[in-house]
Amino acid sequence: MGTTYVVVRHAEKVDQSRDPDLSPAGHARAQALARRFADTKVIAAYATDYRRTRQTLGPIANAHSIPVTLYDAARPAADFVGTLRAAFPRGTVVIAGHGNTVPAIVSALCACKSAPMAEDEFDRLSIVRIDASGEARLEVGRYDADSPP
């Protein structure tokens, strides 16, 4: 048994201000994320200190009775991932970041290439599974408000 990291970009936001809330579509996407992992034991949730990332993980954190732990968006991805891998040798961890940080976090987790994100891409779901031997496998998919669990 190993660790699964679920990495998403924050959901849609209401405007382009520095720290906006999620839009109605963004809240629906956050609920979809929670539904998608309703039957998975999520042990930790990490978001940057922006409303949009905290709100994206709010429903999944509430469903699993865990806090949303804040991390610094400016922290180098390799440092952040090193801390995560040391803290969580097994279980499922969900991380919400930004279009300019998610690819680096995913790449650091899997030691592989992760494609850049377009400014309007909110539906990418990157799942990095790390087995007990430390080997990582990346699965990339999509999710939206209508995604099944």
N, C-alpha and C. Protein backbone atom coordinates (compact mmCIF):
# COMPACT_ATOMS: atom_id res chain seq x y z
N MET A 1 0.85 -1.18 0.00
CA MET A 1 0.00 0.00 0.00
C MET A 1 0.89 1.24 0.00
N GLY A 2 0.51 2.22 -0.76
CA GLY A 2 1.29 3.44 -0.86
C GLY A 2 0.45 4.66 -0.62
N THR A 3 0.80 5.73 -1.30
CA THR A 3 0.11 7.01 -1.14
C THR A 3 -0.45 7.45 -2.48
N THR A 4 -1.62 8.03 -2.43
CA THR A 4 -2.24 8.61 -3.62
C THR A 4 -2.36 10.10 -3.39
N TYR A 5 -1.86 10.86 -4.35
CA TYR A 5 -1.97 12.32 -4.31
C TYR A 5 -2.91 12.75 -5.43
N VAL A 6 -3.94 13.48 -5.07
CA VAL A 6 -4.89 14.02 -6.03
C VAL A 6 -4.60 15.52 -6.12
N VAL A 7 -4.22 15.98 -7.31
CA VAL A 7 -3.82 17.38 -7.47
C VAL A 7 -4.76 18.05 -8.47
N VAL A 8 -5.37 19.15 -8.02
CA VAL A 8 -6.29 19.90 -8.88
C VAL A 8 -5.94 21.38 -8.82
N ARG A 9 -6.37 22.07 -9.85
CA ARG A 9 -6.33 23.52 -9.82
C ARG A 9 -7.60 23.97 -9.12
N HIS A 10 -7.57 25.12 -8.49
CA HIS A 10 -8.80 25.66 -7.91
C HIS A 10 -9.89 25.70 -8.98
N ALA A 11 -11.13 25.66 -8.54
CA ALA A 11 -12.26 25.71 -9.46
C ALA A 11 -12.47 27.14 -9.96
N GLU A 12 -13.47 27.31 -10.83
CA GLU A 12 -13.75 28.61 -11.45
C GLU A 12 -14.00 29.68 -10.40
N LYS A 13 -13.52 30.88 -10.69
CA LYS A 13 -13.64 31.99 -9.75
C LYS A 13 -14.59 33.05 -10.31
N VAL A 14 -15.09 33.91 -9.42
CA VAL A 14 -16.09 34.90 -9.83
C VAL A 14 -15.50 36.03 -10.67
N ASP A 15 -14.23 36.34 -10.47
CA ASP A 15 -13.64 37.45 -11.23
C ASP A 15 -12.12 37.30 -11.21
N GLN A 16 -11.44 38.29 -11.73
CA GLN A 16 -9.98 38.25 -11.85
C GLN A 16 -9.27 39.01 -10.72
N SER A 17 -9.97 39.31 -9.64
CA SER A 17 -9.34 40.01 -8.53
C SER A 17 -8.30 39.11 -7.85
N ARG A 18 -7.54 39.67 -6.95
CA ARG A 18 -6.44 38.93 -6.31
C ARG A 18 -6.92 37.72 -5.52
N ASP A 19 -8.00 37.84 -4.81
CA ASP A 19 -8.45 36.74 -3.94
C ASP A 19 -9.97 36.54 -4.05
N PRO A 20 -10.45 36.14 -5.22
CA PRO A 20 -11.89 36.00 -5.40
C PRO A 20 -12.45 34.71 -4.81
N ASP A 21 -13.75 34.73 -4.60
CA ASP A 21 -14.48 33.52 -4.23
C ASP A 21 -14.67 32.68 -5.48
N LEU A 22 -15.15 31.45 -5.27
CA LEU A 22 -15.54 30.62 -6.40
C LEU A 22 -16.86 31.12 -6.97
N SER A 23 -17.04 30.92 -8.25
CA SER A 23 -18.30 31.21 -8.92
C SER A 23 -19.28 30.07 -8.63
N PRO A 24 -20.55 30.20 -9.01
CA PRO A 24 -21.47 29.07 -8.86
C PRO A 24 -20.95 27.81 -9.56
N ALA A 25 -20.37 27.96 -10.75
CA ALA A 25 -19.79 26.80 -11.45
C ALA A 25 -18.63 26.22 -10.65
N GLY A 26 -17.85 27.08 -10.02
CA GLY A 26 -16.73 26.62 -9.20
C GLY A 26 -17.20 25.85 -7.98
N HIS A 27 -18.24 26.34 -7.33
CA HIS A 27 -18.80 25.62 -6.18
C HIS A 27 -19.34 24.25 -6.62
N ALA A 28 -19.98 24.20 -7.78
CA ALA A 28 -20.48 22.91 -8.29
C ALA A 28 -19.32 21.96 -8.56
N ARG A 29 -18.21 22.49 -9.09
CA ARG A 29 -17.04 21.64 -9.34
C ARG A 29 -16.44 21.14 -8.02
N ALA A 30 -16.38 21.99 -7.01
CA ALA A 30 -15.86 21.59 -5.70
C ALA A 30 -16.72 20.46 -5.11
N GLN A 31 -18.03 20.56 -5.27
CA GLN A 31 -18.93 19.50 -4.81
C GLN A 31 -18.68 18.21 -5.60
N ALA A 32 -18.43 18.34 -6.90
CA ALA A 32 -18.15 17.17 -7.73
C ALA A 32 -16.86 16.47 -7.27
N LEU A 33 -15.87 17.25 -6.88
CA LEU A 33 -14.63 16.66 -6.38
C LEU A 33 -14.91 15.86 -5.11
N ALA A 34 -15.70 16.42 -4.22
CA ALA A 34 -16.06 15.72 -2.98
C ALA A 34 -16.82 14.43 -3.30
N ARG A 35 -17.75 14.49 -4.23
CA ARG A 35 -18.50 13.28 -4.60
C ARG A 35 -17.58 12.23 -5.21
N ARG A 36 -16.66 12.69 -6.03
CA ARG A 36 -15.74 11.76 -6.71
C ARG A 36 -14.94 10.93 -5.71
N PHE A 37 -14.60 11.53 -4.57
CA PHE A 37 -13.79 10.83 -3.58
C PHE A 37 -14.55 10.52 -2.29
N ALA A 38 -15.87 10.45 -2.38
CA ALA A 38 -16.70 10.18 -1.21
C ALA A 38 -16.40 8.82 -0.58
N ASP A 39 -16.07 7.85 -1.40
CA ASP A 39 -15.81 6.50 -0.89
C ASP A 39 -14.33 6.20 -0.70
N THR A 40 -13.51 7.23 -0.77
CA THR A 40 -12.06 7.10 -0.56
C THR A 40 -11.72 7.75 0.78
N LYS A 41 -10.87 7.10 1.56
CA LYS A 41 -10.46 7.68 2.83
C LYS A 41 -9.39 8.75 2.55
N VAL A 42 -9.82 10.00 2.54
CA VAL A 42 -8.89 11.12 2.34
C VAL A 42 -8.36 11.51 3.71
N ILE A 43 -7.03 11.52 3.85
CA ILE A 43 -6.43 11.77 5.16
C ILE A 43 -5.89 13.19 5.33
N ALA A 44 -5.73 13.91 4.20
CA ALA A 44 -5.22 15.28 4.31
C ALA A 44 -5.64 16.08 3.08
N ALA A 45 -5.83 17.38 3.29
CA ALA A 45 -6.17 18.31 2.21
C ALA A 45 -5.28 19.54 2.36
N TYR A 46 -4.65 19.94 1.26
CA TYR A 46 -3.74 21.09 1.26
C TYR A 46 -4.19 22.10 0.21
N ALA A 47 -4.24 23.36 0.61
CA ALA A 47 -4.60 24.45 -0.29
C ALA A 47 -3.72 25.65 0.00
N THR A 48 -3.57 26.49 -1.00
CA THR A 48 -2.86 27.75 -0.78
C THR A 48 -3.79 28.68 0.00
N ASP A 49 -3.23 29.76 0.50
CA ASP A 49 -4.02 30.68 1.34
C ASP A 49 -4.79 31.69 0.47
N TYR A 50 -5.59 31.15 -0.41
CA TYR A 50 -6.49 31.96 -1.25
C TYR A 50 -7.88 31.35 -1.12
N ARG A 51 -8.89 32.19 -1.14
CA ARG A 51 -10.27 31.70 -1.00
C ARG A 51 -10.59 30.62 -2.02
N ARG A 52 -10.19 30.82 -3.26
CA ARG A 52 -10.57 29.88 -4.32
C ARG A 52 -10.02 28.48 -4.10
N THR A 53 -8.81 28.35 -3.56
CA THR A 53 -8.28 27.00 -3.31
C THR A 53 -8.90 26.40 -2.06
N ARG A 54 -9.07 27.21 -1.02
CA ARG A 54 -9.71 26.70 0.20
C ARG A 54 -11.14 26.27 -0.08
N GLN A 55 -11.87 27.07 -0.87
CA GLN A 55 -13.25 26.73 -1.19
C GLN A 55 -13.34 25.51 -2.10
N THR A 56 -12.35 25.30 -2.95
CA THR A 56 -12.34 24.11 -3.80
C THR A 56 -12.23 22.85 -2.96
N LEU A 57 -11.45 22.89 -1.89
CA LEU A 57 -11.28 21.69 -1.05
C LEU A 57 -12.23 21.64 0.14
N GLY A 58 -12.96 22.71 0.38
CA GLY A 58 -13.88 22.73 1.52
C GLY A 58 -14.84 21.56 1.56
N PRO A 59 -15.55 21.25 0.49
CA PRO A 59 -16.51 20.14 0.55
C PRO A 59 -15.85 18.78 0.81
N ILE A 60 -14.71 18.53 0.21
CA ILE A 60 -14.06 17.23 0.43
C ILE A 60 -13.50 17.14 1.85
N ALA A 61 -12.97 18.25 2.36
CA ALA A 61 -12.46 18.27 3.74
C ALA A 61 -13.60 18.07 4.73
N ASN A 62 -14.72 18.75 4.49
CA ASN A 62 -15.88 18.58 5.38
C ASN A 62 -16.39 17.15 5.35
N ALA A 63 -16.47 16.56 4.17
CA ALA A 63 -16.98 15.20 4.03
C ALA A 63 -16.11 14.18 4.77
N HIS A 64 -14.82 14.48 4.88
CA HIS A 64 -13.89 13.54 5.54
C HIS A 64 -13.48 14.01 6.93
N SER A 65 -14.10 15.09 7.40
CA SER A 65 -13.82 15.62 8.74
C SER A 65 -12.34 15.88 8.97
N ILE A 66 -11.72 16.53 7.97
CA ILE A 66 -10.31 16.90 8.09
C ILE A 66 -10.18 18.40 7.83
N PRO A 67 -9.14 19.03 8.36
CA PRO A 67 -8.95 20.45 8.07
C PRO A 67 -8.31 20.64 6.70
N VAL A 68 -8.43 21.83 6.17
CA VAL A 68 -7.67 22.20 4.98
C VAL A 68 -6.40 22.87 5.51
N THR A 69 -5.28 22.25 5.26
CA THR A 69 -3.99 22.75 5.70
C THR A 69 -3.44 23.68 4.63
N LEU A 70 -2.95 24.83 5.06
CA LEU A 70 -2.44 25.81 4.11
C LEU A 70 -0.97 25.56 3.80
N TYR A 71 -0.61 25.80 2.54
CA TYR A 71 0.80 25.77 2.14
C TYR A 71 1.08 27.02 1.31
N ASP A 72 2.32 27.40 1.25
CA ASP A 72 2.75 28.61 0.54
C ASP A 72 2.86 28.32 -0.95
N ALA A 73 2.07 29.03 -1.75
CA ALA A 73 2.09 28.84 -3.21
C ALA A 73 3.46 29.15 -3.81
N ALA A 74 4.24 29.98 -3.15
CA ALA A 74 5.56 30.36 -3.66
C ALA A 74 6.66 29.35 -3.27
N ARG A 75 6.32 28.41 -2.41
CA ARG A 75 7.31 27.41 -1.99
C ARG A 75 7.67 26.53 -3.19
N PRO A 76 8.95 26.25 -3.38
CA PRO A 76 9.33 25.38 -4.49
C PRO A 76 8.62 24.03 -4.41
N ALA A 77 8.12 23.57 -5.54
CA ALA A 77 7.33 22.33 -5.58
C ALA A 77 8.09 21.15 -4.99
N ALA A 78 9.38 21.04 -5.29
CA ALA A 78 10.17 19.90 -4.78
C ALA A 78 10.22 19.91 -3.25
N ASP A 79 10.34 21.09 -2.64
CA ASP A 79 10.36 21.18 -1.17
C ASP A 79 9.01 20.77 -0.59
N PHE A 80 7.93 21.32 -1.17
CA PHE A 80 6.59 21.00 -0.71
C PHE A 80 6.31 19.50 -0.82
N VAL A 81 6.65 18.93 -1.96
CA VAL A 81 6.42 17.50 -2.19
C VAL A 81 7.27 16.65 -1.24
N GLY A 82 8.49 17.06 -0.98
CA GLY A 82 9.33 16.32 -0.03
C GLY A 82 8.69 16.27 1.35
N THR A 83 8.12 17.38 1.78
CA THR A 83 7.42 17.41 3.07
C THR A 83 6.21 16.48 3.05
N LEU A 84 5.44 16.52 1.98
CA LEU A 84 4.26 15.66 1.87
C LEU A 84 4.64 14.19 1.89
N ARG A 85 5.62 13.84 1.10
CA ARG A 85 6.00 12.41 1.01
C ARG A 85 6.53 11.90 2.35
N ALA A 86 7.22 12.75 3.09
CA ALA A 86 7.71 12.33 4.41
C ALA A 86 6.56 12.19 5.41
N ALA A 87 5.58 13.07 5.31
CA ALA A 87 4.47 13.07 6.27
C ALA A 87 3.43 12.00 6.00
N PHE A 88 3.30 11.58 4.75
CA PHE A 88 2.22 10.66 4.38
C PHE A 88 2.76 9.47 3.59
N PRO A 89 3.25 8.45 4.29
CA PRO A 89 3.76 7.26 3.60
C PRO A 89 2.66 6.40 3.01
N ARG A 90 1.41 6.66 3.40
CA ARG A 90 0.26 5.93 2.82
C ARG A 90 -0.99 6.77 3.01
N GLY A 91 -2.01 6.46 2.21
CA GLY A 91 -3.27 7.18 2.29
C GLY A 91 -3.47 8.07 1.08
N THR A 92 -4.57 8.83 1.10
CA THR A 92 -4.91 9.73 -0.01
C THR A 92 -4.86 11.17 0.47
N VAL A 93 -4.13 11.99 -0.26
CA VAL A 93 -3.94 13.40 0.05
C VAL A 93 -4.43 14.20 -1.16
N VAL A 94 -5.24 15.24 -0.90
CA VAL A 94 -5.75 16.09 -1.96
C VAL A 94 -5.09 17.46 -1.86
N ILE A 95 -4.67 17.98 -3.01
CA ILE A 95 -3.95 19.26 -3.05
C ILE A 95 -4.63 20.16 -4.09
N ALA A 96 -4.91 21.39 -3.71
CA ALA A 96 -5.43 22.38 -4.66
C ALA A 96 -4.38 23.47 -4.84
N GLY A 97 -4.07 23.76 -6.08
CA GLY A 97 -3.10 24.79 -6.40
C GLY A 97 -3.64 25.71 -7.48
N HIS A 98 -2.73 26.21 -8.28
CA HIS A 98 -3.05 27.20 -9.30
C HIS A 98 -2.51 26.73 -10.64
N GLY A 99 -2.98 27.35 -11.71
CA GLY A 99 -2.55 26.96 -13.04
C GLY A 99 -1.04 27.01 -13.23
N ASN A 100 -0.37 27.90 -12.50
CA ASN A 100 1.08 28.01 -12.63
C ASN A 100 1.85 27.18 -11.60
N THR A 101 1.14 26.47 -10.70
CA THR A 101 1.83 25.65 -9.70
C THR A 101 1.50 24.16 -9.80
N VAL A 102 0.30 23.83 -10.26
CA VAL A 102 -0.11 22.42 -10.31
C VAL A 102 0.84 21.57 -11.16
N PRO A 103 1.22 21.98 -12.38
CA PRO A 103 2.12 21.13 -13.16
C PRO A 103 3.44 20.83 -12.44
N ALA A 104 4.00 21.80 -11.75
CA ALA A 104 5.27 21.58 -11.04
C ALA A 104 5.08 20.62 -9.86
N ILE A 105 3.96 20.74 -9.15
CA ILE A 105 3.69 19.83 -8.03
C ILE A 105 3.53 18.41 -8.56
N VAL A 106 2.76 18.24 -9.62
CA VAL A 106 2.56 16.91 -10.20
C VAL A 106 3.89 16.34 -10.67
N SER A 107 4.67 17.14 -11.37
CA SER A 107 5.97 16.67 -11.86
C SER A 107 6.89 16.24 -10.72
N ALA A 108 6.88 17.01 -9.63
CA ALA A 108 7.72 16.66 -8.48
C ALA A 108 7.24 15.37 -7.82
N LEU A 109 5.94 15.16 -7.79
CA LEU A 109 5.40 13.94 -7.18
C LEU A 109 5.73 12.68 -7.99
N CYS A 110 5.61 12.78 -9.30
CA CYS A 110 5.77 11.58 -10.12
C CYS A 110 7.14 11.46 -10.77
N ALA A 111 7.98 12.49 -10.64
CA ALA A 111 9.28 12.52 -11.33
C ALA A 111 9.05 12.29 -12.82
N CYS A 112 8.04 13.00 -13.35
CA CYS A 112 7.69 12.91 -14.76
C CYS A 112 7.26 14.29 -15.23
N LYS A 113 6.94 14.40 -16.49
CA LYS A 113 6.52 15.68 -17.07
C LYS A 113 5.01 15.84 -16.92
N SER A 114 4.60 17.03 -16.53
CA SER A 114 3.18 17.38 -16.47
C SER A 114 2.96 18.58 -17.37
N ALA A 115 1.96 18.50 -18.23
CA ALA A 115 1.70 19.55 -19.21
C ALA A 115 1.32 20.86 -18.53
N PRO A 116 1.69 21.99 -19.13
CA PRO A 116 1.23 23.29 -18.61
C PRO A 116 -0.29 23.36 -18.65
N MET A 117 -0.85 24.27 -17.87
CA MET A 117 -2.30 24.44 -17.82
C MET A 117 -2.70 25.74 -18.51
N ALA A 118 -3.76 25.66 -19.30
CA ALA A 118 -4.32 26.86 -19.92
C ALA A 118 -5.03 27.68 -18.85
N GLU A 119 -5.17 28.98 -19.09
CA GLU A 119 -5.80 29.87 -18.11
C GLU A 119 -7.24 29.48 -17.81
N ASP A 120 -7.91 28.83 -18.76
CA ASP A 120 -9.31 28.45 -18.55
C ASP A 120 -9.50 26.96 -18.27
N GLU A 121 -8.44 26.29 -17.87
CA GLU A 121 -8.51 24.86 -17.58
C GLU A 121 -8.71 24.63 -16.08
N PHE A 122 -9.92 24.22 -15.72
CA PHE A 122 -10.25 23.99 -14.32
C PHE A 122 -10.62 22.53 -14.04
N ASP A 123 -10.65 21.70 -15.05
CA ASP A 123 -11.19 20.35 -14.90
C ASP A 123 -10.14 19.24 -14.89
N ARG A 124 -8.86 19.59 -14.90
CA ARG A 124 -7.83 18.54 -14.89
C ARG A 124 -7.74 17.90 -13.52
N LEU A 125 -7.71 16.59 -13.51
CA LEU A 125 -7.58 15.81 -12.29
C LEU A 125 -6.32 14.96 -12.45
N SER A 126 -5.27 15.31 -11.72
CA SER A 126 -4.01 14.56 -11.78
C SER A 126 -3.92 13.70 -10.53
N ILE A 127 -3.78 12.40 -10.75
CA ILE A 127 -3.67 11.46 -9.63
C ILE A 127 -2.32 10.77 -9.73
N VAL A 128 -1.52 10.94 -8.70
CA VAL A 128 -0.21 10.31 -8.64
C VAL A 128 -0.26 9.24 -7.57
N ARG A 129 -0.07 8.00 -7.99
CA ARG A 129 -0.06 6.86 -7.07
C ARG A 129 1.38 6.42 -6.88
N ILE A 130 1.81 6.40 -5.62
CA ILE A 130 3.17 5.99 -5.29
C ILE A 130 3.08 4.71 -4.48
N ASP A 131 3.63 3.64 -5.04
CA ASP A 131 3.52 2.35 -4.36
C ASP A 131 4.53 2.23 -3.22
N ALA A 132 4.47 1.14 -2.50
CA ALA A 132 5.32 0.94 -1.33
C ALA A 132 6.81 0.98 -1.67
N SER A 133 7.16 0.66 -2.91
CA SER A 133 8.57 0.69 -3.30
C SER A 133 9.02 2.10 -3.72
N GLY A 134 8.08 3.04 -3.79
CA GLY A 134 8.41 4.41 -4.16
C GLY A 134 8.19 4.72 -5.63
N GLU A 135 7.75 3.73 -6.40
CA GLU A 135 7.50 3.96 -7.82
C GLU A 135 6.19 4.73 -8.00
N ALA A 136 6.24 5.76 -8.85
CA ALA A 136 5.08 6.63 -9.06
C ALA A 136 4.46 6.39 -10.42
N ARG A 137 3.12 6.51 -10.43
CA ARG A 137 2.37 6.39 -11.68
C ARG A 137 1.39 7.55 -11.74
N LEU A 138 1.37 8.26 -12.87
CA LEU A 138 0.50 9.41 -13.06
C LEU A 138 -0.70 9.03 -13.91
N GLU A 139 -1.89 9.42 -13.45
CA GLU A 139 -3.12 9.28 -14.22
C GLU A 139 -3.71 10.67 -14.34
N VAL A 140 -4.03 11.09 -15.55
CA VAL A 140 -4.62 12.41 -15.77
C VAL A 140 -6.00 12.21 -16.38
N GLY A 141 -6.98 12.87 -15.78
CA GLY A 141 -8.34 12.81 -16.29
C GLY A 141 -9.01 14.16 -16.15
N ARG A 142 -10.31 14.15 -16.30
CA ARG A 142 -11.13 15.36 -16.19
C ARG A 142 -12.26 15.10 -15.22
N TYR A 143 -12.76 16.16 -14.61
CA TYR A 143 -13.94 16.03 -13.77
C TYR A 143 -14.74 17.33 -13.88
N ASP A 144 -16.04 17.22 -13.73
CA ASP A 144 -16.90 18.39 -13.72
C ASP A 144 -18.08 18.13 -12.82
N ALA A 145 -19.03 19.05 -12.81
CA ALA A 145 -20.16 18.95 -11.90
C ALA A 145 -20.99 17.71 -12.16
N ASP A 146 -20.90 17.15 -13.36
CA ASP A 146 -21.68 15.95 -13.69
C ASP A 146 -20.85 14.67 -13.65
N SER A 147 -19.61 14.76 -13.19
CA SER A 147 -18.74 13.57 -13.16
C SER A 147 -19.25 12.55 -12.16
N PRO A 148 -19.29 11.28 -12.57
CA PRO A 148 -19.68 10.25 -11.61
C PRO A 148 -18.54 9.98 -10.63
N PRO A 149 -18.85 9.40 -9.49
CA PRO A 149 -17.80 9.08 -8.52
C PRO A 149 -16.83 8.04 -9.07
